[in-house]
Amino acid sequence: VQLVESGGGLVQPGGSLRLSCAASGFTVSGSVMSWHRQVPGKERELVAIITSTGRTTYYLDSIKGRFTISRDNAKNTVYLQMNKLEPEDTAVYYCKAPPIGVWGQGTQVTVSS
């Protein structure tokens, strides 16, 4: 069972990135999936959740209207589309499959001019 994130990088304020989380060893379609982020010296925080049906999502207040979590069952991948990025969004982003407690290795997102 493994999760591998990709898509992070350096982007200017106001820009966009799409993070991907490719799963192996289980199917994302049958699992709640989540994205989290962490900055040095702070606790990891929950950013977004998508349920197994995909009909219900949760978003951290500070990213509502800017980030969208989605899933492509055919590719067994979960995405986090991030628009209108702000310097405060700078962090390492992780995906997780909460029911089985598996984390990805993280991908760095840096928002800076």
N, C-alpha and C. Protein backbone atom coordinates (compact mmCIF):
# COMPACT_ATOMS: atom_id res chain seq x y z
N VAL A 1 0.85 -1.18 0.00
CA VAL A 1 0.00 0.00 0.00
C VAL A 1 0.89 1.24 0.00
N GLN A 2 0.64 2.14 -0.93
CA GLN A 2 1.52 3.29 -1.06
C GLN A 2 0.77 4.46 -1.67
N LEU A 3 1.15 5.68 -1.23
CA LEU A 3 0.67 6.92 -1.81
C LEU A 3 1.87 7.74 -2.24
N VAL A 4 1.83 8.27 -3.45
CA VAL A 4 2.94 9.07 -3.96
C VAL A 4 2.40 10.40 -4.47
N GLU A 5 2.82 11.49 -3.81
CA GLU A 5 2.39 12.83 -4.22
C GLU A 5 3.35 13.39 -5.27
N SER A 6 2.82 14.27 -6.10
CA SER A 6 3.62 15.00 -7.07
C SER A 6 2.88 16.30 -7.41
N GLY A 7 3.60 17.19 -8.11
CA GLY A 7 2.97 18.41 -8.59
C GLY A 7 3.32 19.66 -7.82
N GLY A 8 4.08 19.53 -6.75
CA GLY A 8 4.49 20.71 -6.00
C GLY A 8 5.53 21.51 -6.75
N GLY A 9 5.86 22.68 -6.20
CA GLY A 9 6.87 23.51 -6.82
C GLY A 9 6.79 24.94 -6.33
N LEU A 10 7.49 25.82 -7.05
CA LEU A 10 7.52 27.24 -6.73
C LEU A 10 6.55 27.97 -7.65
N VAL A 11 5.68 28.79 -7.08
CA VAL A 11 4.70 29.52 -7.87
C VAL A 11 4.54 30.91 -7.28
N GLN A 12 4.24 31.89 -8.12
CA GLN A 12 4.04 33.25 -7.65
C GLN A 12 2.66 33.38 -7.00
N PRO A 13 2.51 34.36 -6.11
CA PRO A 13 1.18 34.61 -5.53
C PRO A 13 0.14 34.83 -6.62
N GLY A 14 -1.03 34.23 -6.42
CA GLY A 14 -2.08 34.31 -7.42
C GLY A 14 -2.05 33.18 -8.43
N GLY A 15 -0.99 32.40 -8.42
CA GLY A 15 -0.86 31.31 -9.37
C GLY A 15 -1.58 30.05 -8.95
N SER A 16 -1.42 29.00 -9.75
CA SER A 16 -2.12 27.73 -9.51
C SER A 16 -1.16 26.56 -9.60
N LEU A 17 -1.50 25.52 -8.88
CA LEU A 17 -0.82 24.24 -8.97
C LEU A 17 -1.85 23.14 -8.81
N ARG A 18 -1.59 21.98 -9.40
CA ARG A 18 -2.42 20.81 -9.15
C ARG A 18 -1.55 19.70 -8.58
N LEU A 19 -1.86 19.29 -7.38
CA LEU A 19 -1.16 18.19 -6.74
C LEU A 19 -1.86 16.88 -7.08
N SER A 20 -1.05 15.84 -7.26
CA SER A 20 -1.59 14.51 -7.53
C SER A 20 -1.13 13.56 -6.43
N CYS A 21 -1.97 12.59 -6.15
CA CYS A 21 -1.66 11.56 -5.17
C CYS A 21 -2.03 10.22 -5.80
N ALA A 22 -1.03 9.50 -6.27
CA ALA A 22 -1.26 8.22 -6.92
C ALA A 22 -1.20 7.10 -5.89
N ALA A 23 -2.24 6.29 -5.87
CA ALA A 23 -2.33 5.20 -4.90
C ALA A 23 -2.01 3.86 -5.55
N SER A 24 -1.43 2.98 -4.76
CA SER A 24 -1.21 1.60 -5.19
C SER A 24 -1.48 0.68 -4.01
N GLY A 25 -1.96 -0.49 -4.31
CA GLY A 25 -2.25 -1.46 -3.26
C GLY A 25 -3.66 -1.39 -2.69
N PHE A 26 -4.41 -0.37 -3.07
CA PHE A 26 -5.81 -0.25 -2.69
C PHE A 26 -6.47 0.70 -3.69
N THR A 27 -7.80 0.75 -3.66
CA THR A 27 -8.52 1.60 -4.60
C THR A 27 -9.05 2.83 -3.89
N VAL A 28 -8.73 4.00 -4.45
CA VAL A 28 -9.18 5.25 -3.82
C VAL A 28 -10.69 5.40 -3.91
N SER A 29 -11.32 4.73 -4.87
CA SER A 29 -12.76 4.87 -5.03
C SER A 29 -13.53 4.35 -3.82
N GLY A 30 -12.92 3.46 -3.07
CA GLY A 30 -13.60 2.89 -1.92
C GLY A 30 -13.18 3.49 -0.60
N SER A 31 -12.47 4.60 -0.64
CA SER A 31 -11.88 5.14 0.58
C SER A 31 -12.10 6.63 0.71
N VAL A 32 -12.30 7.07 1.93
CA VAL A 32 -12.15 8.50 2.21
C VAL A 32 -10.69 8.85 1.95
N MET A 33 -10.46 9.99 1.32
CA MET A 33 -9.10 10.45 1.07
C MET A 33 -8.98 11.90 1.55
N SER A 34 -7.78 12.28 1.97
CA SER A 34 -7.60 13.62 2.50
C SER A 34 -6.26 14.21 2.10
N TRP A 35 -6.21 15.52 2.10
CA TRP A 35 -4.97 16.27 1.93
C TRP A 35 -4.70 17.05 3.21
N HIS A 36 -3.42 17.13 3.57
CA HIS A 36 -2.97 17.85 4.75
C HIS A 36 -1.76 18.69 4.36
N ARG A 37 -1.40 19.62 5.23
CA ARG A 37 -0.18 20.38 4.98
C ARG A 37 0.51 20.70 6.30
N GLN A 38 1.82 20.93 6.19
CA GLN A 38 2.60 21.21 7.39
C GLN A 38 3.73 22.17 7.06
N VAL A 39 3.90 23.15 7.96
CA VAL A 39 5.05 24.06 7.88
C VAL A 39 5.96 23.77 9.06
N PRO A 40 7.25 24.03 8.93
CA PRO A 40 8.17 23.75 10.03
C PRO A 40 7.75 24.42 11.34
N GLY A 41 7.77 23.65 12.40
CA GLY A 41 7.43 24.20 13.71
C GLY A 41 5.96 24.21 14.04
N LYS A 42 5.14 23.79 13.09
CA LYS A 42 3.69 23.76 13.32
C LYS A 42 3.15 22.35 13.11
N GLU A 43 1.97 22.10 13.68
CA GLU A 43 1.34 20.80 13.52
C GLU A 43 0.79 20.66 12.10
N ARG A 44 0.74 19.42 11.66
CA ARG A 44 0.13 19.14 10.36
C ARG A 44 -1.36 19.43 10.45
N GLU A 45 -1.89 20.13 9.43
CA GLU A 45 -3.31 20.48 9.46
C GLU A 45 -4.06 19.86 8.29
N LEU A 46 -5.31 19.53 8.57
CA LEU A 46 -6.19 18.98 7.54
C LEU A 46 -6.62 20.09 6.60
N VAL A 47 -6.49 19.84 5.30
CA VAL A 47 -6.85 20.83 4.30
C VAL A 47 -8.17 20.49 3.62
N ALA A 48 -8.33 19.24 3.21
CA ALA A 48 -9.52 18.85 2.46
C ALA A 48 -9.76 17.36 2.59
N ILE A 49 -11.03 16.98 2.50
CA ILE A 49 -11.43 15.58 2.55
C ILE A 49 -12.43 15.34 1.42
N ILE A 50 -12.35 14.14 0.83
CA ILE A 50 -13.38 13.69 -0.09
C ILE A 50 -13.82 12.31 0.36
N THR A 51 -15.14 12.11 0.42
CA THR A 51 -15.64 10.82 0.88
C THR A 51 -15.53 9.77 -0.22
N SER A 52 -15.83 8.54 0.15
CA SER A 52 -15.70 7.44 -0.82
C SER A 52 -16.67 7.61 -2.00
N THR A 53 -17.80 8.25 -1.75
CA THR A 53 -18.76 8.47 -2.84
C THR A 53 -18.40 9.71 -3.65
N GLY A 54 -17.59 10.59 -3.08
CA GLY A 54 -17.23 11.82 -3.76
C GLY A 54 -18.27 12.90 -3.66
N ARG A 55 -19.39 12.59 -2.99
CA ARG A 55 -20.48 13.57 -2.94
C ARG A 55 -20.30 14.57 -1.80
N THR A 56 -19.46 14.28 -0.86
CA THR A 56 -19.26 15.18 0.27
C THR A 56 -17.79 15.53 0.39
N THR A 57 -17.53 16.80 0.55
CA THR A 57 -16.16 17.25 0.74
C THR A 57 -16.09 18.18 1.95
N TYR A 58 -14.91 18.35 2.45
CA TYR A 58 -14.64 19.28 3.55
C TYR A 58 -13.43 20.10 3.17
N TYR A 59 -13.46 21.38 3.51
CA TYR A 59 -12.33 22.25 3.25
C TYR A 59 -12.01 23.10 4.47
N LEU A 60 -10.71 23.29 4.72
CA LEU A 60 -10.24 24.24 5.71
C LEU A 60 -10.77 25.63 5.33
N ASP A 61 -11.22 26.38 6.30
CA ASP A 61 -11.83 27.69 6.01
C ASP A 61 -10.94 28.58 5.15
N SER A 62 -9.66 28.59 5.44
CA SER A 62 -8.76 29.51 4.75
C SER A 62 -8.55 29.17 3.28
N ILE A 63 -8.95 27.99 2.84
CA ILE A 63 -8.75 27.62 1.43
C ILE A 63 -10.06 27.43 0.68
N LYS A 64 -11.19 27.63 1.35
CA LYS A 64 -12.49 27.49 0.69
C LYS A 64 -12.60 28.45 -0.49
N GLY A 65 -13.08 27.93 -1.60
CA GLY A 65 -13.24 28.74 -2.79
C GLY A 65 -11.99 28.83 -3.65
N ARG A 66 -10.87 28.35 -3.11
CA ARG A 66 -9.61 28.41 -3.86
C ARG A 66 -9.08 27.01 -4.22
N PHE A 67 -9.29 26.05 -3.34
CA PHE A 67 -8.80 24.68 -3.55
C PHE A 67 -9.97 23.75 -3.83
N THR A 68 -9.72 22.73 -4.64
CA THR A 68 -10.73 21.72 -4.92
C THR A 68 -10.11 20.33 -4.87
N ILE A 69 -10.71 19.45 -4.08
CA ILE A 69 -10.26 18.06 -4.02
C ILE A 69 -11.13 17.24 -4.97
N SER A 70 -10.50 16.31 -5.68
CA SER A 70 -11.24 15.46 -6.61
C SER A 70 -10.53 14.13 -6.73
N ARG A 71 -11.18 13.23 -7.44
CA ARG A 71 -10.64 11.87 -7.56
C ARG A 71 -10.91 11.35 -8.97
N ASP A 72 -9.92 10.66 -9.53
CA ASP A 72 -10.07 9.96 -10.81
C ASP A 72 -9.94 8.47 -10.52
N ASN A 73 -11.06 7.79 -10.47
CA ASN A 73 -11.03 6.37 -10.10
C ASN A 73 -10.29 5.53 -11.13
N ALA A 74 -10.39 5.89 -12.39
CA ALA A 74 -9.71 5.12 -13.43
C ALA A 74 -8.19 5.18 -13.27
N LYS A 75 -7.70 6.31 -12.77
CA LYS A 75 -6.25 6.47 -12.57
C LYS A 75 -5.84 6.17 -11.13
N ASN A 76 -6.84 5.85 -10.29
CA ASN A 76 -6.57 5.57 -8.87
C ASN A 76 -5.77 6.70 -8.23
N THR A 77 -6.19 7.91 -8.52
CA THR A 77 -5.45 9.10 -8.11
C THR A 77 -6.40 10.14 -7.53
N VAL A 78 -5.92 10.85 -6.51
CA VAL A 78 -6.64 11.95 -5.91
C VAL A 78 -5.87 13.24 -6.22
N TYR A 79 -6.61 14.31 -6.44
CA TYR A 79 -6.00 15.58 -6.82
C TYR A 79 -6.36 16.69 -5.83
N LEU A 80 -5.52 17.70 -5.79
CA LEU A 80 -5.84 18.93 -5.08
C LEU A 80 -5.50 20.08 -6.03
N GLN A 81 -6.53 20.67 -6.61
CA GLN A 81 -6.35 21.83 -7.47
C GLN A 81 -6.29 23.06 -6.59
N MET A 82 -5.21 23.81 -6.69
CA MET A 82 -5.00 24.97 -5.84
C MET A 82 -4.90 26.21 -6.72
N ASN A 83 -5.84 27.12 -6.56
CA ASN A 83 -5.87 28.37 -7.32
C ASN A 83 -5.69 29.56 -6.37
N LYS A 84 -5.36 30.69 -6.96
CA LYS A 84 -5.20 31.92 -6.18
C LYS A 84 -4.29 31.68 -4.97
N LEU A 85 -3.18 31.06 -5.20
CA LEU A 85 -2.27 30.71 -4.10
C LEU A 85 -1.72 31.95 -3.42
N GLU A 86 -1.55 31.81 -2.12
CA GLU A 86 -1.04 32.89 -1.27
C GLU A 86 0.23 32.42 -0.58
N PRO A 87 1.10 33.35 -0.18
CA PRO A 87 2.32 32.94 0.53
C PRO A 87 2.03 32.08 1.75
N GLU A 88 0.88 32.29 2.38
CA GLU A 88 0.52 31.50 3.56
C GLU A 88 0.20 30.04 3.23
N ASP A 89 0.07 29.73 1.95
CA ASP A 89 -0.16 28.35 1.54
C ASP A 89 1.13 27.55 1.44
N THR A 90 2.27 28.21 1.60
CA THR A 90 3.56 27.53 1.54
C THR A 90 3.64 26.46 2.62
N ALA A 91 3.91 25.23 2.21
CA ALA A 91 3.95 24.09 3.14
C ALA A 91 4.34 22.84 2.37
N VAL A 92 4.58 21.78 3.12
CA VAL A 92 4.67 20.45 2.52
C VAL A 92 3.26 19.87 2.55
N TYR A 93 2.80 19.41 1.43
CA TYR A 93 1.45 18.86 1.31
C TYR A 93 1.51 17.34 1.25
N TYR A 94 0.64 16.71 2.04
CA TYR A 94 0.60 15.26 2.14
C TYR A 94 -0.80 14.77 1.82
N CYS A 95 -0.89 13.62 1.17
CA CYS A 95 -2.19 12.98 1.07
C CYS A 95 -2.23 11.78 2.01
N LYS A 96 -3.44 11.39 2.34
CA LYS A 96 -3.63 10.32 3.32
C LYS A 96 -4.87 9.53 2.99
N ALA A 97 -4.80 8.23 3.29
CA ALA A 97 -5.98 7.37 3.24
C ALA A 97 -6.34 7.07 4.69
N PRO A 98 -7.20 7.88 5.30
CA PRO A 98 -7.46 7.74 6.74
C PRO A 98 -7.91 6.35 7.20
N PRO A 99 -8.73 5.66 6.45
CA PRO A 99 -9.18 4.35 6.95
C PRO A 99 -8.06 3.35 7.17
N ILE A 100 -6.96 3.49 6.43
CA ILE A 100 -5.87 2.53 6.59
C ILE A 100 -4.62 3.21 7.13
N GLY A 101 -4.70 4.50 7.41
CA GLY A 101 -3.61 5.19 8.08
C GLY A 101 -2.35 5.35 7.27
N VAL A 102 -2.49 5.39 5.95
CA VAL A 102 -1.31 5.51 5.09
C VAL A 102 -1.11 6.96 4.66
N TRP A 103 0.14 7.45 4.75
CA TRP A 103 0.52 8.78 4.31
C TRP A 103 1.44 8.69 3.10
N GLY A 104 1.39 9.72 2.26
CA GLY A 104 2.39 9.87 1.23
C GLY A 104 3.64 10.52 1.81
N GLN A 105 4.65 10.71 0.95
CA GLN A 105 5.93 11.26 1.41
C GLN A 105 5.94 12.78 1.43
N GLY A 106 4.94 13.40 0.81
CA GLY A 106 4.82 14.85 0.81
C GLY A 106 5.43 15.49 -0.43
N THR A 107 4.89 16.65 -0.77
CA THR A 107 5.42 17.45 -1.88
C THR A 107 5.43 18.91 -1.46
N GLN A 108 6.55 19.59 -1.72
CA GLN A 108 6.73 20.96 -1.26
C GLN A 108 6.03 21.94 -2.19
N VAL A 109 5.25 22.83 -1.61
CA VAL A 109 4.63 23.95 -2.33
C VAL A 109 5.16 25.24 -1.74
N THR A 110 5.75 26.07 -2.59
CA THR A 110 6.29 27.35 -2.15
C THR A 110 5.65 28.46 -2.98
N VAL A 111 5.02 29.40 -2.30
CA VAL A 111 4.36 30.53 -2.97
C VAL A 111 5.15 31.78 -2.63
N SER A 112 5.82 32.32 -3.63
CA SER A 112 6.71 33.46 -3.38
C SER A 112 6.95 34.21 -4.67
N SER A 113 7.13 35.51 -4.54
CA SER A 113 7.46 36.32 -5.71
C SER A 113 8.97 36.49 -5.83
